[in-house]
Amino acid sequence: LILVEGFDMNLWLAARNLPNVTVEEAQFVDPVALVGAAKVVASA
């Protein structure tokens, strides 16, 4: 899971073709996405 502070169209489009990689905004993150993530990359 990639966590960002706000929606970034370029980042979202770039991540679409990466298998098992999702991009979510910090304010909308949910427990299911976190529990199912092997790793989480988050901006400060």
All heavy atoms as atom14 arrays in JSON, in Angstrom:
{
  "sequence": "LILVEGFDMNLWLAARNLPNVTVEEAQFVDPVALVGAAKVVASA",
  "atom14_mask": [
    [1, 1, 1, 1, 1, 1, 1, 1, 0, 0, 0, 0, 0, 0],
    [1, 1, 1, 1, 1, 1, 1, 1, 0, 0, 0, 0, 0, 0],
    [1, 1, 1, 1, 1, 1, 1, 1, 0, 0, 0, 0, 0, 0],
    [1, 1, 1, 1, 1, 1, 1, 0, 0, 0, 0, 0, 0, 0],
    [1, 1, 1, 1, 1, 1, 1, 1, 1, 0, 0, 0, 0, 0],
    [1, 1, 1, 1, 0, 0, 0, 0, 0, 0, 0, 0, 0, 0],
    [1, 1, 1, 1, 1, 1, 1, 1, 1, 1, 1, 0, 0, 0],
    [1, 1, 1, 1, 1, 1, 1, 1, 0, 0, 0, 0, 0, 0],
    [1, 1, 1, 1, 1, 1, 1, 1, 0, 0, 0, 0, 0, 0],
    [1, 1, 1, 1, 1, 1, 1, 1, 0, 0, 0, 0, 0, 0],
    [1, 1, 1, 1, 1, 1, 1, 1, 0, 0, 0, 0, 0, 0],
    [1, 1, 1, 1, 1, 1, 1, 1, 1, 1, 1, 1, 1, 1],
    [1, 1, 1, 1, 1, 1, 1, 1, 0, 0, 0, 0, 0, 0],
    [1, 1, 1, 1, 1, 0, 0, 0, 0, 0, 0, 0, 0, 0],
    [1, 1, 1, 1, 1, 0, 0, 0, 0, 0, 0, 0, 0, 0],
    [1, 1, 1, 1, 1, 1, 1, 1, 1, 1, 1, 0, 0, 0],
    [1, 1, 1, 1, 1, 1, 1, 1, 0, 0, 0, 0, 0, 0],
    [1, 1, 1, 1, 1, 1, 1, 1, 0, 0, 0, 0, 0, 0],
    [1, 1, 1, 1, 1, 1, 1, 0, 0, 0, 0, 0, 0, 0],
    [1, 1, 1, 1, 1, 1, 1, 1, 0, 0, 0, 0, 0, 0],
    [1, 1, 1, 1, 1, 1, 1, 0, 0, 0, 0, 0, 0, 0],
    [1, 1, 1, 1, 1, 1, 1, 0, 0, 0, 0, 0, 0, 0],
    [1, 1, 1, 1, 1, 1, 1, 0, 0, 0, 0, 0, 0, 0],
    [1, 1, 1, 1, 1, 1, 1, 1, 1, 0, 0, 0, 0, 0],
    [1, 1, 1, 1, 1, 1, 1, 1, 1, 0, 0, 0, 0, 0],
    [1, 1, 1, 1, 1, 0, 0, 0, 0, 0, 0, 0, 0, 0],
    [1, 1, 1, 1, 1, 1, 1, 1, 1, 0, 0, 0, 0, 0],
    [1, 1, 1, 1, 1, 1, 1, 1, 1, 1, 1, 0, 0, 0],
    [1, 1, 1, 1, 1, 1, 1, 0, 0, 0, 0, 0, 0, 0],
    [1, 1, 1, 1, 1, 1, 1, 1, 0, 0, 0, 0, 0, 0],
    [1, 1, 1, 1, 1, 1, 1, 0, 0, 0, 0, 0, 0, 0],
    [1, 1, 1, 1, 1, 1, 1, 0, 0, 0, 0, 0, 0, 0],
    [1, 1, 1, 1, 1, 0, 0, 0, 0, 0, 0, 0, 0, 0],
    [1, 1, 1, 1, 1, 1, 1, 1, 0, 0, 0, 0, 0, 0],
    [1, 1, 1, 1, 1, 1, 1, 0, 0, 0, 0, 0, 0, 0],
    [1, 1, 1, 1, 0, 0, 0, 0, 0, 0, 0, 0, 0, 0],
    [1, 1, 1, 1, 1, 0, 0, 0, 0, 0, 0, 0, 0, 0],
    [1, 1, 1, 1, 1, 0, 0, 0, 0, 0, 0, 0, 0, 0],
    [1, 1, 1, 1, 1, 1, 1, 1, 1, 0, 0, 0, 0, 0],
    [1, 1, 1, 1, 1, 1, 1, 0, 0, 0, 0, 0, 0, 0],
    [1, 1, 1, 1, 1, 1, 1, 0, 0, 0, 0, 0, 0, 0],
    [1, 1, 1, 1, 1, 0, 0, 0, 0, 0, 0, 0, 0, 0],
    [1, 1, 1, 1, 1, 1, 0, 0, 0, 0, 0, 0, 0, 0],
    [1, 1, 1, 1, 1, 0, 0, 0, 0, 0, 0, 0, 0, 0]
  ],
  "atom14_positions": [
    [[0.83, -1.21, 0.0], [0.0, 0.0, 0.0], [0.87, 1.25, 0.0], [1.85, 1.33, 0.73], [-0.9, -0.02, 1.24], [-1.84, 1.15, 1.48], [-2.92, 1.2, 0.4], [-2.48, 1.04, 2.85], [0.0, 0.0, 0.0], [0.0, 0.0, 0.0], [0.0, 0.0, 0.0], [0.0, 0.0, 0.0], [0.0, 0.0, 0.0], [0.0, 0.0, 0.0]],
    [[0.49, 2.22, -0.84], [1.16, 3.52, -0.86], [0.21, 4.54, -0.26], [-0.92, 4.7, -0.74], [1.55, 3.93, -2.29], [2.53, 2.92, -2.89], [2.15, 5.33, -2.32], [2.86, 3.16, -4.36], [0.0, 0.0, 0.0], [0.0, 0.0, 0.0], [0.0, 0.0, 0.0], [0.0, 0.0, 0.0], [0.0, 0.0, 0.0], [0.0, 0.0, 0.0]],
    [[0.65, 5.22, 0.8], [-0.18, 6.21, 1.47], [0.35, 7.61, 1.17], [1.53, 7.9, 1.37], [-0.15, 6.0, 3.0], [-1.07, 4.91, 3.56], [-0.91, 4.86, 5.07], [-2.51, 5.17, 3.19], [0.0, 0.0, 0.0], [0.0, 0.0, 0.0], [0.0, 0.0, 0.0], [0.0, 0.0, 0.0], [0.0, 0.0, 0.0], [0.0, 0.0, 0.0]],
    [[-0.55, 8.47, 0.67], [-0.16, 9.84, 0.35], [-1.11, 10.81, 1.06], [-2.21, 10.44, 1.47], [-0.19, 10.1, -1.17], [0.93, 9.35, -1.86], [-1.53, 9.7, -1.76], [0.0, 0.0, 0.0], [0.0, 0.0, 0.0], [0.0, 0.0, 0.0], [0.0, 0.0, 0.0], [0.0, 0.0, 0.0], [0.0, 0.0, 0.0], [0.0, 0.0, 0.0]],
    [[-0.67, 12.05, 1.2], [-1.48, 13.03, 1.94], [-2.65, 13.57, 1.13], [-3.63, 14.06, 1.67], [-0.6, 14.19, 2.44], [0.05, 15.03, 1.36], [1.4, 14.49, 0.91], [1.68, 13.29, 1.14], [2.17, 15.26, 0.3], [0.0, 0.0, 0.0], [0.0, 0.0, 0.0], [0.0, 0.0, 0.0], [0.0, 0.0, 0.0], [0.0, 0.0, 0.0]],
    [[-2.54, 13.5, -0.21], [-3.61, 14.0, -1.07], [-3.58, 13.29, -2.41], [-2.59, 12.64, -2.77], [0.0, 0.0, 0.0], [0.0, 0.0, 0.0], [0.0, 0.0, 0.0], [0.0, 0.0, 0.0], [0.0, 0.0, 0.0], [0.0, 0.0, 0.0], [0.0, 0.0, 0.0], [0.0, 0.0, 0.0], [0.0, 0.0, 0.0], [0.0, 0.0, 0.0]],
    [[-4.68, 13.4, -3.15], [-4.77, 12.69, -4.44], [-3.76, 13.25, -5.43], [-3.66, 14.46, -5.64], [-6.19, 12.82, -5.0], [-6.36, 12.11, -6.31], [-6.4, 10.73, -6.36], [-6.47, 12.82, -7.5], [-6.55, 10.06, -7.58], [-6.63, 12.17, -8.71], [-6.67, 10.78, -8.75], [0.0, 0.0, 0.0], [0.0, 0.0, 0.0], [0.0, 0.0, 0.0]],
    [[-3.02, 12.36, -6.07], [-2.02, 12.71, -7.08], [-2.31, 11.88, -8.32], [-2.08, 10.66, -8.33], [-0.61, 12.42, -6.54], [0.48, 12.87, -7.51], [0.19, 13.01, -8.72], [1.62, 13.05, -7.06], [0.0, 0.0, 0.0], [0.0, 0.0, 0.0], [0.0, 0.0, 0.0], [0.0, 0.0, 0.0], [0.0, 0.0, 0.0], [0.0, 0.0, 0.0]],
    [[-2.81, 12.51, -9.36], [-3.21, 11.79, -10.57], [-2.02, 11.08, -11.21], [-2.13, 9.92, -11.64], [-3.84, 12.76, -11.57], [-4.27, 12.11, -12.89], [-5.49, 10.8, -12.67], [-6.98, 11.78, -12.5], [0.0, 0.0, 0.0], [0.0, 0.0, 0.0], [0.0, 0.0, 0.0], [0.0, 0.0, 0.0], [0.0, 0.0, 0.0], [0.0, 0.0, 0.0]],
    [[-0.88, 11.74, -11.28], [0.31, 11.11, -11.89], [0.7, 9.84, -11.13], [1.02, 8.82, -11.74], [1.48, 12.09, -11.9], [1.34, 13.14, -13.0], [0.52, 13.01, -13.89], [2.14, 14.19, -12.91], [0.0, 0.0, 0.0], [0.0, 0.0, 0.0], [0.0, 0.0, 0.0], [0.0, 0.0, 0.0], [0.0, 0.0, 0.0], [0.0, 0.0, 0.0]],
    [[0.7, 9.93, -9.81], [1.07, 8.77, -8.99], [0.06, 7.64, -9.16], [0.43, 6.48, -9.3], [1.16, 9.19, -7.52], [1.54, 8.09, -6.52], [2.94, 7.58, -6.8], [1.44, 8.61, -5.09], [0.0, 0.0, 0.0], [0.0, 0.0, 0.0], [0.0, 0.0, 0.0], [0.0, 0.0, 0.0], [0.0, 0.0, 0.0], [0.0, 0.0, 0.0]],
    [[-1.21, 7.99, -9.17], [-2.26, 6.98, -9.31], [-2.16, 6.26, -10.65], [-2.27, 5.04, -10.73], [-3.62, 7.64, -9.15], [-4.76, 6.67, -9.17], [-5.19, 5.85, -8.17], [-5.62, 6.41, -10.29], [-6.26, 5.1, -8.58], [-6.56, 5.41, -9.88], [-5.71, 6.92, -11.6], [-7.54, 4.92, -10.73], [-6.69, 6.42, -12.44], [-7.6, 5.43, -12.0]],
    [[-1.94, 7.03, -11.72], [-1.81, 6.43, -13.05], [-0.56, 5.58, -13.16], [-0.56, 4.52, -13.79], [-1.8, 7.53, -14.12], [-3.12, 8.28, -14.36], [-2.91, 9.46, -15.28], [-4.19, 7.34, -14.93], [0.0, 0.0, 0.0], [0.0, 0.0, 0.0], [0.0, 0.0, 0.0], [0.0, 0.0, 0.0], [0.0, 0.0, 0.0], [0.0, 0.0, 0.0]],
    [[0.53, 6.04, -12.54], [1.79, 5.3, -12.6], [1.7, 3.97, -11.86], [2.36, 3.0, -12.22], [2.92, 6.15, -12.03], [0.0, 0.0, 0.0], [0.0, 0.0, 0.0], [0.0, 0.0, 0.0], [0.0, 0.0, 0.0], [0.0, 0.0, 0.0], [0.0, 0.0, 0.0], [0.0, 0.0, 0.0], [0.0, 0.0, 0.0], [0.0, 0.0, 0.0]],
    [[0.89, 3.92, -10.8], [0.79, 2.72, -9.97], [-0.19, 1.69, -10.51], [-0.2, 0.54, -10.07], [0.4, 3.1, -8.54], [0.0, 0.0, 0.0], [0.0, 0.0, 0.0], [0.0, 0.0, 0.0], [0.0, 0.0, 0.0], [0.0, 0.0, 0.0], [0.0, 0.0, 0.0], [0.0, 0.0, 0.0], [0.0, 0.0, 0.0], [0.0, 0.0, 0.0]],
    [[-1.0, 2.09, -11.5], [-2.05, 1.19, -11.99], [-1.51, -0.12, -12.56], [-2.13, -1.17, -12.41], [-2.88, 1.87, -13.08], [-3.94, 2.8, -12.58], [-4.92, 3.17, -13.67], [-4.27, 3.64, -14.88], [-4.92, 4.0, -15.98], [-6.25, 3.94, -16.0], [-4.28, 4.41, -17.05], [0.0, 0.0, 0.0], [0.0, 0.0, 0.0], [0.0, 0.0, 0.0]],
    [[-0.35, -0.06, -13.21], [0.18, -1.25, -13.88], [1.09, -2.08, -12.98], [1.61, -3.11, -13.42], [0.96, -0.86, -15.14], [0.03, -0.39, -16.25], [-1.12, -0.82, -16.32], [0.51, 0.51, -17.08], [0.0, 0.0, 0.0], [0.0, 0.0, 0.0], [0.0, 0.0, 0.0], [0.0, 0.0, 0.0], [0.0, 0.0, 0.0], [0.0, 0.0, 0.0]],
    [[1.28, -1.66, -11.73], [2.1, -2.43, -10.81], [1.21, -3.45, -10.1], [0.22, -3.08, -9.46], [2.77, -1.51, -9.78], [3.83, -0.56, -10.33], [4.31, 0.38, -9.25], [5.01, -1.34, -10.9], [0.0, 0.0, 0.0], [0.0, 0.0, 0.0], [0.0, 0.0, 0.0], [0.0, 0.0, 0.0], [0.0, 0.0, 0.0], [0.0, 0.0, 0.0]],
    [[1.54, -4.74, -10.19], [0.67, -5.76, -9.58], [0.67, -5.66, -8.05], [1.72, -5.49, -7.42], [1.28, -7.08, -10.05], [2.7, -6.75, -10.39], [2.7, -5.33, -10.87], [0.0, 0.0, 0.0], [0.0, 0.0, 0.0], [0.0, 0.0, 0.0], [0.0, 0.0, 0.0], [0.0, 0.0, 0.0], [0.0, 0.0, 0.0], [0.0, 0.0, 0.0]],
    [[-0.51, -5.77, -7.48], [-0.68, -5.77, -6.02], [-0.14, -4.52, -5.33], [0.37, -4.58, -4.2], [-0.03, -7.02, -5.4], [-0.61, -8.31, -5.98], [-1.81, -8.44, -6.13], [0.26, -9.24, -6.31], [0.0, 0.0, 0.0], [0.0, 0.0, 0.0], [0.0, 0.0, 0.0], [0.0, 0.0, 0.0], [0.0, 0.0, 0.0], [0.0, 0.0, 0.0]],
    [[-0.22, -3.4, -6.03], [0.16, -2.11, -5.45], [-1.04, -1.18, -5.54], [-1.6, -0.99, -6.62], [1.38, -1.48, -6.18], [1.64, -0.06, -5.67], [2.62, -2.34, -5.98], [0.0, 0.0, 0.0], [0.0, 0.0, 0.0], [0.0, 0.0, 0.0], [0.0, 0.0, 0.0], [0.0, 0.0, 0.0], [0.0, 0.0, 0.0], [0.0, 0.0, 0.0]],
    [[-1.44, -0.61, -4.41], [-2.57, 0.32, -4.4], [-2.14, 1.64, -3.78], [-1.26, 1.68, -2.92], [-3.77, -0.25, -3.61], [-3.34, -0.61, -2.29], [-4.34, -1.47, -4.28], [0.0, 0.0, 0.0], [0.0, 0.0, 0.0], [0.0, 0.0, 0.0], [0.0, 0.0, 0.0], [0.0, 0.0, 0.0], [0.0, 0.0, 0.0], [0.0, 0.0, 0.0]],
    [[-2.8, 2.71, -4.22], [-2.52, 4.04, -3.7], [-3.78, 4.55, -2.99], [-4.87, 4.48, -3.55], [-2.13, 5.03, -4.83], [-1.86, 6.42, -4.27], [-0.91, 4.51, -5.58], [0.0, 0.0, 0.0], [0.0, 0.0, 0.0], [0.0, 0.0, 0.0], [0.0, 0.0, 0.0], [0.0, 0.0, 0.0], [0.0, 0.0, 0.0], [0.0, 0.0, 0.0]],
    [[-3.6, 5.02, -1.77], [-4.74, 5.55, -1.01], [-4.34, 6.85, -0.32], [-3.19, 7.04, 0.07], [-5.2, 4.54, 0.05], [-6.06, 3.43, -0.5], [-6.89, 2.73, 0.57], [-7.2, 3.38, 1.59], [-7.21, 1.55, 0.37], [0.0, 0.0, 0.0], [0.0, 0.0, 0.0], [0.0, 0.0, 0.0], [0.0, 0.0, 0.0], [0.0, 0.0, 0.0]],
    [[-5.35, 7.72, -0.17], [-5.14, 8.95, 0.59], [-5.21, 8.63, 2.07], [-6.0, 7.78, 2.5], [-6.21, 9.98, 0.23], [-6.12, 10.48, -1.2], [-7.22, 11.48, -1.52], [-7.27, 12.54, -0.86], [-8.04, 11.18, -2.41], [0.0, 0.0, 0.0], [0.0, 0.0, 0.0], [0.0, 0.0, 0.0], [0.0, 0.0, 0.0], [0.0, 0.0, 0.0]],
    [[-4.41, 9.34, 2.85], [-4.32, 9.07, 4.29], [-5.66, 9.21, 4.98], [-5.98, 8.44, 5.89], [-3.3, 10.01, 4.92], [0.0, 0.0, 0.0], [0.0, 0.0, 0.0], [0.0, 0.0, 0.0], [0.0, 0.0, 0.0], [0.0, 0.0, 0.0], [0.0, 0.0, 0.0], [0.0, 0.0, 0.0], [0.0, 0.0, 0.0], [0.0, 0.0, 0.0]],
    [[-6.48, 10.16, 4.55], [-7.75, 10.39, 5.23], [-8.77, 9.3, 4.96], [-9.76, 9.16, 5.67], [-8.33, 11.74, 4.81], [-8.59, 11.87, 3.31], [-9.19, 13.2, 2.94], [-9.92, 13.79, 3.73], [-8.87, 13.7, 1.75], [0.0, 0.0, 0.0], [0.0, 0.0, 0.0], [0.0, 0.0, 0.0], [0.0, 0.0, 0.0], [0.0, 0.0, 0.0]],
    [[-8.54, 8.46, 3.92], [-9.5, 7.42, 3.57], [-8.98, 6.01, 3.85], [-9.65, 5.03, 3.5], [-9.88, 7.52, 2.09], [-10.51, 8.83, 1.72], [-10.02, 9.59, 0.68], [-11.6, 9.32, 2.43], [-10.59, 10.81, 0.33], [-12.19, 10.53, 2.1], [-11.69, 11.28, 1.05], [0.0, 0.0, 0.0], [0.0, 0.0, 0.0], [0.0, 0.0, 0.0]],
    [[-7.82, 5.88, 4.46], [-7.25, 4.54, 4.66], [-8.16, 3.73, 5.58], [-8.75, 4.26, 6.52], [-5.82, 4.64, 5.23], [-5.81, 5.18, 6.66], [-5.13, 3.28, 5.18], [0.0, 0.0, 0.0], [0.0, 0.0, 0.0], [0.0, 0.0, 0.0], [0.0, 0.0, 0.0], [0.0, 0.0, 0.0], [0.0, 0.0, 0.0], [0.0, 0.0, 0.0]],
    [[-8.28, 2.43, 5.28], [-9.18, 1.57, 6.05], [-8.41, 0.37, 6.6], [-7.33, 0.03, 6.1], [-10.34, 1.1, 5.17], [-9.87, 0.3, 3.97], [-9.62, -0.91, 4.13], [-9.73, 0.88, 2.88], [0.0, 0.0, 0.0], [0.0, 0.0, 0.0], [0.0, 0.0, 0.0], [0.0, 0.0, 0.0], [0.0, 0.0, 0.0], [0.0, 0.0, 0.0]],
    [[-8.94, -0.28, 7.63], [-8.21, -1.39, 8.26], [-8.0, -2.58, 7.34], [-7.0, -3.28, 7.46], [-9.11, -1.76, 9.46], [-10.44, -1.17, 9.17], [-10.19, 0.04, 8.35], [0.0, 0.0, 0.0], [0.0, 0.0, 0.0], [0.0, 0.0, 0.0], [0.0, 0.0, 0.0], [0.0, 0.0, 0.0], [0.0, 0.0, 0.0], [0.0, 0.0, 0.0]],
    [[-8.92, -2.84, 6.41], [-8.78, -3.98, 5.51], [-7.57, -3.8, 4.59], [-6.79, -4.73, 4.37], [-10.07, -4.18, 4.67], [-9.87, -5.27, 3.64], [-11.24, -4.53, 5.58], [0.0, 0.0, 0.0], [0.0, 0.0, 0.0], [0.0, 0.0, 0.0], [0.0, 0.0, 0.0], [0.0, 0.0, 0.0], [0.0, 0.0, 0.0], [0.0, 0.0, 0.0]],
    [[-7.4, -2.59, 4.06], [-6.26, -2.31, 3.18], [-4.94, -2.46, 3.95], [-3.96, -2.97, 3.41], [-6.38, -0.9, 2.6], [0.0, 0.0, 0.0], [0.0, 0.0, 0.0], [0.0, 0.0, 0.0], [0.0, 0.0, 0.0], [0.0, 0.0, 0.0], [0.0, 0.0, 0.0], [0.0, 0.0, 0.0], [0.0, 0.0, 0.0], [0.0, 0.0, 0.0]],
    [[-4.93, -2.02, 5.21], [-3.7, -2.1, 6.02], [-3.36, -3.54, 6.38], [-2.21, -3.97, 6.28], [-3.87, -1.27, 7.29], [-3.87, 0.24, 7.13], [-4.25, 0.92, 8.43], [-2.5, 0.74, 6.66], [0.0, 0.0, 0.0], [0.0, 0.0, 0.0], [0.0, 0.0, 0.0], [0.0, 0.0, 0.0], [0.0, 0.0, 0.0], [0.0, 0.0, 0.0]],
    [[-4.38, -4.3, 6.8], [-4.14, -5.69, 7.21], [-3.66, -6.53, 6.03], [-2.82, -7.42, 6.19], [-5.44, -6.29, 7.81], [-5.31, -7.79, 7.98], [-5.74, -5.65, 9.16], [0.0, 0.0, 0.0], [0.0, 0.0, 0.0], [0.0, 0.0, 0.0], [0.0, 0.0, 0.0], [0.0, 0.0, 0.0], [0.0, 0.0, 0.0], [0.0, 0.0, 0.0]],
    [[-4.15, -6.24, 4.83], [-3.79, -7.02, 3.66], [-2.51, -6.6, 2.98], [-2.09, -7.22, 2.01], [0.0, 0.0, 0.0], [0.0, 0.0, 0.0], [0.0, 0.0, 0.0], [0.0, 0.0, 0.0], [0.0, 0.0, 0.0], [0.0, 0.0, 0.0], [0.0, 0.0, 0.0], [0.0, 0.0, 0.0], [0.0, 0.0, 0.0], [0.0, 0.0, 0.0]],
    [[-1.88, -5.52, 3.46], [-0.67, -5.0, 2.81], [0.59, -5.68, 3.34], [0.79, -5.78, 4.55], [-0.58, -3.5, 3.03], [0.0, 0.0, 0.0], [0.0, 0.0, 0.0], [0.0, 0.0, 0.0], [0.0, 0.0, 0.0], [0.0, 0.0, 0.0], [0.0, 0.0, 0.0], [0.0, 0.0, 0.0], [0.0, 0.0, 0.0], [0.0, 0.0, 0.0]],
    [[1.41, -6.17, 2.41], [2.68, -6.76, 2.81], [3.58, -5.68, 3.41], [4.24, -5.9, 4.43], [3.35, -7.42, 1.62], [0.0, 0.0, 0.0], [0.0, 0.0, 0.0], [0.0, 0.0, 0.0], [0.0, 0.0, 0.0], [0.0, 0.0, 0.0], [0.0, 0.0, 0.0], [0.0, 0.0, 0.0], [0.0, 0.0, 0.0], [0.0, 0.0, 0.0]],
    [[3.62, -4.51, 2.75], [4.37, -3.36, 3.25], [3.58, -2.09, 2.96], [2.74, -2.06, 2.05], [5.75, -3.27, 2.6], [6.79, -4.19, 3.22], [8.18, -3.85, 2.72], [9.22, -4.73, 3.42], [10.6, -4.41, 2.96], [0.0, 0.0, 0.0], [0.0, 0.0, 0.0], [0.0, 0.0, 0.0], [0.0, 0.0, 0.0], [0.0, 0.0, 0.0]],
    [[3.87, -1.06, 3.72], [3.22, 0.23, 3.52], [4.3, 1.29, 3.31], [5.21, 1.43, 4.13], [2.35, 0.62, 4.74], [1.75, 2.01, 4.54], [1.25, -0.41, 4.98], [0.0, 0.0, 0.0], [0.0, 0.0, 0.0], [0.0, 0.0, 0.0], [0.0, 0.0, 0.0], [0.0, 0.0, 0.0], [0.0, 0.0, 0.0], [0.0, 0.0, 0.0]],
    [[4.21, 1.99, 2.19], [5.08, 3.14, 1.95], [4.25, 4.39, 2.18], [3.2, 4.57, 1.57], [5.64, 3.14, 0.51], [6.35, 4.45, 0.22], [6.62, 2.0, 0.34], [0.0, 0.0, 0.0], [0.0, 0.0, 0.0], [0.0, 0.0, 0.0], [0.0, 0.0, 0.0], [0.0, 0.0, 0.0], [0.0, 0.0, 0.0], [0.0, 0.0, 0.0]],
    [[4.7, 5.25, 3.07], [3.92, 6.44, 3.41], [4.81, 7.67, 3.41], [5.98, 7.61, 3.8], [3.28, 6.28, 4.78], [0.0, 0.0, 0.0], [0.0, 0.0, 0.0], [0.0, 0.0, 0.0], [0.0, 0.0, 0.0], [0.0, 0.0, 0.0], [0.0, 0.0, 0.0], [0.0, 0.0, 0.0], [0.0, 0.0, 0.0], [0.0, 0.0, 0.0]],
    [[4.25, 8.76, 2.94], [4.97, 10.03, 3.04], [4.88, 10.51, 4.48], [3.96, 10.16, 5.22], [4.36, 11.07, 2.09], [3.04, 11.39, 2.5], [0.0, 0.0, 0.0], [0.0, 0.0, 0.0], [0.0, 0.0, 0.0], [0.0, 0.0, 0.0], [0.0, 0.0, 0.0], [0.0, 0.0, 0.0], [0.0, 0.0, 0.0], [0.0, 0.0, 0.0]],
    [[5.85, 11.32, 4.89], [5.86, 11.84, 6.25], [4.6, 12.66, 6.53], [4.0, 12.57, 7.61], [7.11, 12.69, 6.47], [0.0, 0.0, 0.0], [0.0, 0.0, 0.0], [0.0, 0.0, 0.0], [0.0, 0.0, 0.0], [0.0, 0.0, 0.0], [0.0, 0.0, 0.0], [0.0, 0.0, 0.0], [0.0, 0.0, 0.0], [0.0, 0.0, 0.0]]
  ]
}
